[in-house]
Every structure is written in C-alpha cells, then in structure tokens.
Amino acid sequence: MKSGGKHVLALISEKIVIKAANDYPEVMLKSMEKILPGKSFLRIHRNAIINIELAEKIENKIKGSNIVKLKNYPELIHFSKRYSQKVRKLLLMK
C-alpha cells in the first residue's frame, strides 16, 4: 500500500473500508478486489469496499438504496439494491 509516496505494510484484517477518492476509482478498486480475501471484503459501491466482518447493521432506505453501519467507522456507507443480496448473504455466513 502506498502512503505519502512511500510503501507501507498494512494488516488486511484491520481495514474497515477502502474508498476511492480520485479520478480512477474503478481501476484501483478492481485491483484491490483481486487481492483481498473474498469472504471478508466486499465491494458495495463503485467507490467502496468494506470489511464485511465489521458490519453491524444494514438498513433499507427509500428508492432501493441501502446503508451499512460498520464498527469503528463513523460514516454510513450507501449501496444500491444491486449489491444488497451479496451483502446480506455474507452477513448470514458470519
């Protein structure tokens, strides 16, 4: 992982969410999806991958959108109906 121009080691199990903030989120997240363990991490939005093991609750919102609350993460993460079945399936497997 790169931080401030330097490569640093990061424990995958300690990561809560990976969000893309630049102009090319698809490229970065596709690369991350390939190396992250699939039973722990799930892409739930075009710019977000979450550690599903840290999901506390999922709420349905209006017009088919959903939100997930993660332990130790202050923001709610929005995701579409398209991803909801994957998220719920993984939560049931926890």
N, C-alpha and C. Protein backbone atom coordinates (compact mmCIF):
# COMPACT_ATOMS: atom_id res chain seq x y z
N MET A 1 0.85 -1.17 0.00
CA MET A 1 0.00 0.00 0.00
C MET A 1 0.90 1.24 0.00
N LYS A 2 0.50 2.26 -0.71
CA LYS A 2 1.30 3.48 -0.77
C LYS A 2 0.68 4.56 0.10
N SER A 3 1.51 5.24 0.85
CA SER A 3 1.06 6.33 1.71
C SER A 3 2.09 7.44 1.66
N GLY A 4 1.71 8.59 1.14
CA GLY A 4 2.63 9.72 1.07
C GLY A 4 3.85 9.43 0.21
N GLY A 5 3.67 8.63 -0.83
CA GLY A 5 4.78 8.32 -1.71
C GLY A 5 5.65 7.17 -1.26
N LYS A 6 5.39 6.64 -0.07
CA LYS A 6 6.16 5.52 0.47
C LYS A 6 5.28 4.28 0.52
N HIS A 7 5.90 3.14 0.37
CA HIS A 7 5.17 1.88 0.53
C HIS A 7 5.16 1.52 2.01
N VAL A 8 3.99 1.16 2.51
CA VAL A 8 3.86 0.75 3.90
C VAL A 8 3.10 -0.56 3.96
N LEU A 9 3.37 -1.35 4.97
CA LEU A 9 2.64 -2.60 5.17
C LEU A 9 1.38 -2.31 5.98
N ALA A 10 0.31 -2.99 5.62
CA ALA A 10 -0.95 -2.81 6.34
C ALA A 10 -1.58 -4.18 6.55
N LEU A 11 -2.06 -4.43 7.76
CA LEU A 11 -2.75 -5.68 8.03
C LEU A 11 -4.15 -5.60 7.45
N ILE A 12 -4.46 -6.53 6.58
CA ILE A 12 -5.76 -6.54 5.90
C ILE A 12 -6.88 -6.66 6.92
N SER A 13 -6.72 -7.47 7.93
CA SER A 13 -7.80 -7.69 8.91
C SER A 13 -8.17 -6.43 9.68
N GLU A 14 -7.28 -5.45 9.72
CA GLU A 14 -7.55 -4.21 10.44
C GLU A 14 -8.24 -3.16 9.57
N LYS A 15 -8.37 -3.40 8.29
CA LYS A 15 -9.01 -2.44 7.40
C LYS A 15 -10.52 -2.52 7.53
N ILE A 16 -11.14 -1.37 7.65
CA ILE A 16 -12.60 -1.29 7.81
C ILE A 16 -13.25 -1.06 6.46
N VAL A 17 -12.76 -0.05 5.75
CA VAL A 17 -13.33 0.30 4.45
C VAL A 17 -12.22 0.85 3.56
N ILE A 18 -12.34 0.57 2.28
CA ILE A 18 -11.40 1.11 1.29
C ILE A 18 -12.25 1.93 0.34
N LYS A 19 -11.98 3.23 0.29
CA LYS A 19 -12.77 4.12 -0.57
C LYS A 19 -11.85 4.80 -1.56
N ALA A 20 -12.32 4.91 -2.78
CA ALA A 20 -11.57 5.61 -3.82
C ALA A 20 -11.99 7.06 -3.84
N ALA A 21 -11.02 7.96 -3.89
CA ALA A 21 -11.33 9.39 -3.86
C ALA A 21 -10.78 10.13 -5.06
N ASN A 22 -10.10 9.41 -5.95
CA ASN A 22 -9.51 10.12 -7.10
C ASN A 22 -10.34 9.94 -8.36
N ASP A 23 -9.76 10.28 -9.49
CA ASP A 23 -10.48 10.23 -10.77
C ASP A 23 -10.64 8.82 -11.33
N TYR A 24 -9.93 7.83 -10.79
CA TYR A 24 -9.95 6.48 -11.35
C TYR A 24 -10.32 5.42 -10.30
N PRO A 25 -11.47 5.55 -9.65
CA PRO A 25 -11.81 4.58 -8.60
C PRO A 25 -12.00 3.17 -9.12
N GLU A 26 -12.52 3.01 -10.32
CA GLU A 26 -12.77 1.67 -10.88
C GLU A 26 -11.48 0.87 -10.98
N VAL A 27 -10.44 1.48 -11.50
CA VAL A 27 -9.17 0.78 -11.70
C VAL A 27 -8.58 0.35 -10.37
N MET A 28 -8.53 1.26 -9.42
CA MET A 28 -7.94 0.94 -8.12
C MET A 28 -8.74 -0.14 -7.41
N LEU A 29 -10.06 -0.02 -7.38
CA LEU A 29 -10.87 -0.98 -6.63
C LEU A 29 -10.90 -2.34 -7.30
N LYS A 30 -10.85 -2.39 -8.61
CA LYS A 30 -10.78 -3.69 -9.28
C LYS A 30 -9.50 -4.41 -8.90
N SER A 31 -8.41 -3.68 -8.81
CA SER A 31 -7.13 -4.27 -8.40
C SER A 31 -7.21 -4.76 -6.96
N MET A 32 -7.82 -3.98 -6.10
CA MET A 32 -7.95 -4.36 -4.69
C MET A 32 -8.84 -5.58 -4.53
N GLU A 33 -9.92 -5.65 -5.30
CA GLU A 33 -10.83 -6.80 -5.22
C GLU A 33 -10.11 -8.11 -5.51
N LYS A 34 -9.15 -8.07 -6.41
CA LYS A 34 -8.42 -9.28 -6.79
C LYS A 34 -7.52 -9.80 -5.67
N ILE A 35 -7.02 -8.92 -4.82
CA ILE A 35 -6.07 -9.36 -3.80
C ILE A 35 -6.68 -9.52 -2.41
N LEU A 36 -7.85 -8.94 -2.18
CA LEU A 36 -8.49 -9.04 -0.86
C LEU A 36 -9.22 -10.37 -0.73
N PRO A 37 -9.23 -10.95 0.48
CA PRO A 37 -9.97 -12.21 0.68
C PRO A 37 -11.48 -11.99 0.51
N GLY A 38 -12.09 -12.73 -0.39
CA GLY A 38 -13.49 -12.55 -0.75
C GLY A 38 -14.48 -12.83 0.36
N LYS A 39 -14.13 -13.66 1.33
CA LYS A 39 -15.09 -13.92 2.40
C LYS A 39 -15.09 -12.83 3.46
N SER A 40 -14.13 -11.94 3.42
CA SER A 40 -14.06 -10.85 4.40
C SER A 40 -14.36 -9.48 3.81
N PHE A 41 -14.05 -9.29 2.53
CA PHE A 41 -14.21 -7.98 1.90
C PHE A 41 -15.19 -8.06 0.74
N LEU A 42 -15.99 -7.02 0.61
CA LEU A 42 -17.00 -6.99 -0.44
C LEU A 42 -17.12 -5.58 -1.00
N ARG A 43 -17.15 -5.51 -2.29
CA ARG A 43 -17.39 -4.21 -2.93
C ARG A 43 -18.89 -3.94 -2.89
N ILE A 44 -19.26 -2.79 -2.32
CA ILE A 44 -20.69 -2.48 -2.19
C ILE A 44 -21.09 -1.22 -2.95
N HIS A 45 -20.13 -0.60 -3.57
CA HIS A 45 -20.40 0.62 -4.33
C HIS A 45 -19.27 0.77 -5.33
N ARG A 46 -19.45 1.62 -6.32
CA ARG A 46 -18.38 1.79 -7.30
C ARG A 46 -17.12 2.40 -6.70
N ASN A 47 -17.26 2.99 -5.50
CA ASN A 47 -16.07 3.58 -4.86
C ASN A 47 -15.80 3.06 -3.46
N ALA A 48 -16.37 1.90 -3.09
CA ALA A 48 -16.16 1.42 -1.73
C ALA A 48 -16.13 -0.10 -1.63
N ILE A 49 -15.15 -0.60 -0.89
CA ILE A 49 -15.06 -1.99 -0.49
C ILE A 49 -15.07 -1.99 1.03
N ILE A 50 -15.89 -2.86 1.63
CA ILE A 50 -15.96 -2.89 3.09
C ILE A 50 -15.46 -4.23 3.63
N ASN A 51 -15.04 -4.19 4.89
CA ASN A 51 -14.73 -5.40 5.63
C ASN A 51 -16.05 -5.90 6.19
N ILE A 52 -16.63 -6.91 5.57
CA ILE A 52 -17.96 -7.39 5.92
C ILE A 52 -18.01 -7.92 7.35
N GLU A 53 -16.88 -8.33 7.90
CA GLU A 53 -16.83 -8.84 9.27
C GLU A 53 -17.11 -7.73 10.29
N LEU A 54 -16.98 -6.48 9.87
CA LEU A 54 -17.22 -5.35 10.77
C LEU A 54 -18.58 -4.70 10.57
N ALA A 55 -19.42 -5.31 9.75
CA ALA A 55 -20.76 -4.75 9.52
C ALA A 55 -21.64 -4.98 10.76
N GLU A 56 -22.23 -3.91 11.25
CA GLU A 56 -23.11 -4.00 12.41
C GLU A 56 -24.57 -4.15 12.01
N LYS A 57 -24.99 -3.33 11.04
CA LYS A 57 -26.38 -3.43 10.60
C LYS A 57 -26.54 -2.85 9.21
N ILE A 58 -27.60 -3.32 8.56
CA ILE A 58 -27.97 -2.84 7.23
C ILE A 58 -29.39 -2.31 7.32
N GLU A 59 -29.62 -1.16 6.70
CA GLU A 59 -30.96 -0.58 6.68
C GLU A 59 -31.37 -0.31 5.24
N ASN A 60 -32.63 -0.61 4.95
CA ASN A 60 -33.21 -0.26 3.65
C ASN A 60 -33.63 1.19 3.70
N LYS A 61 -33.34 1.90 2.66
CA LYS A 61 -33.78 3.29 2.52
C LYS A 61 -34.75 3.39 1.36
N ILE A 62 -35.20 4.59 1.09
CA ILE A 62 -36.16 4.78 0.01
C ILE A 62 -35.53 4.57 -1.36
N LYS A 63 -36.34 4.23 -2.32
CA LYS A 63 -35.95 4.06 -3.71
C LYS A 63 -34.87 3.00 -3.92
N GLY A 64 -34.89 1.95 -3.12
CA GLY A 64 -34.00 0.82 -3.33
C GLY A 64 -32.57 0.98 -2.85
N SER A 65 -32.25 2.09 -2.22
CA SER A 65 -30.88 2.22 -1.71
C SER A 65 -30.82 1.64 -0.29
N ASN A 66 -29.63 1.32 0.14
CA ASN A 66 -29.40 0.74 1.46
C ASN A 66 -28.20 1.42 2.10
N ILE A 67 -28.08 1.27 3.40
CA ILE A 67 -26.89 1.75 4.10
C ILE A 67 -26.38 0.65 5.01
N VAL A 68 -25.09 0.66 5.22
CA VAL A 68 -24.49 -0.28 6.16
C VAL A 68 -23.71 0.52 7.20
N LYS A 69 -23.83 0.12 8.45
CA LYS A 69 -23.09 0.73 9.56
C LYS A 69 -21.98 -0.24 9.92
N LEU A 70 -20.74 0.25 9.94
CA LEU A 70 -19.58 -0.58 10.27
C LEU A 70 -19.06 -0.22 11.66
N LYS A 71 -18.59 -1.22 12.38
CA LYS A 71 -17.97 -0.99 13.69
C LYS A 71 -16.75 -0.09 13.53
N ASN A 72 -16.58 0.84 14.43
CA ASN A 72 -15.42 1.73 14.46
C ASN A 72 -15.26 2.59 13.21
N TYR A 73 -16.36 2.86 12.52
CA TYR A 73 -16.32 3.74 11.35
C TYR A 73 -17.49 4.71 11.46
N PRO A 74 -17.23 6.01 11.49
CA PRO A 74 -18.28 6.98 11.79
C PRO A 74 -19.32 7.19 10.68
N GLU A 75 -18.94 6.97 9.43
CA GLU A 75 -19.85 7.25 8.32
C GLU A 75 -20.71 6.03 7.99
N LEU A 76 -21.93 6.30 7.54
CA LEU A 76 -22.77 5.25 6.98
C LEU A 76 -22.38 5.11 5.51
N ILE A 77 -22.34 3.89 5.01
CA ILE A 77 -21.95 3.68 3.63
C ILE A 77 -23.18 3.25 2.84
N HIS A 78 -23.45 3.99 1.78
CA HIS A 78 -24.62 3.73 0.94
C HIS A 78 -24.27 2.71 -0.13
N PHE A 79 -25.25 1.86 -0.43
CA PHE A 79 -25.08 0.94 -1.54
C PHE A 79 -26.43 0.67 -2.19
N SER A 80 -26.39 0.22 -3.42
CA SER A 80 -27.62 0.04 -4.19
C SER A 80 -28.24 -1.33 -3.95
N LYS A 81 -29.43 -1.47 -4.43
CA LYS A 81 -30.16 -2.74 -4.34
C LYS A 81 -29.37 -3.85 -5.04
N ARG A 82 -28.64 -3.48 -6.05
CA ARG A 82 -27.83 -4.44 -6.82
C ARG A 82 -26.85 -5.21 -5.92
N TYR A 83 -26.30 -4.55 -4.93
CA TYR A 83 -25.33 -5.18 -4.04
C TYR A 83 -25.97 -5.78 -2.79
N SER A 84 -27.23 -5.51 -2.52
CA SER A 84 -27.84 -5.90 -1.26
C SER A 84 -27.88 -7.41 -1.04
N GLN A 85 -28.13 -8.20 -2.07
CA GLN A 85 -28.17 -9.65 -1.89
C GLN A 85 -26.80 -10.20 -1.49
N LYS A 86 -25.74 -9.70 -2.11
CA LYS A 86 -24.39 -10.14 -1.76
C LYS A 86 -24.07 -9.80 -0.32
N VAL A 87 -24.41 -8.58 0.10
CA VAL A 87 -24.11 -8.13 1.46
C VAL A 87 -24.87 -8.98 2.47
N ARG A 88 -26.16 -9.16 2.26
CA ARG A 88 -26.97 -9.95 3.18
C ARG A 88 -26.50 -11.41 3.25
N LYS A 89 -26.12 -11.98 2.13
CA LYS A 89 -25.64 -13.36 2.09
C LYS A 89 -24.37 -13.51 2.93
N LEU A 90 -23.44 -12.57 2.76
CA LEU A 90 -22.20 -12.64 3.54
C LEU A 90 -22.44 -12.40 5.02
N LEU A 91 -23.39 -11.52 5.35
CA LEU A 91 -23.70 -11.28 6.76
C LEU A 91 -24.28 -12.53 7.41
N LEU A 92 -25.09 -13.27 6.70
CA LEU A 92 -25.66 -14.51 7.23
C LEU A 92 -24.60 -15.58 7.46
N MET A 93 -23.53 -15.53 6.68
CA MET A 93 -22.45 -16.50 6.81
C MET A 93 -21.50 -16.19 7.97
N LYS A 94 -21.58 -14.98 8.52
CA LYS A 94 -20.66 -14.57 9.61
C LYS A 94 -20.87 -15.42 10.83
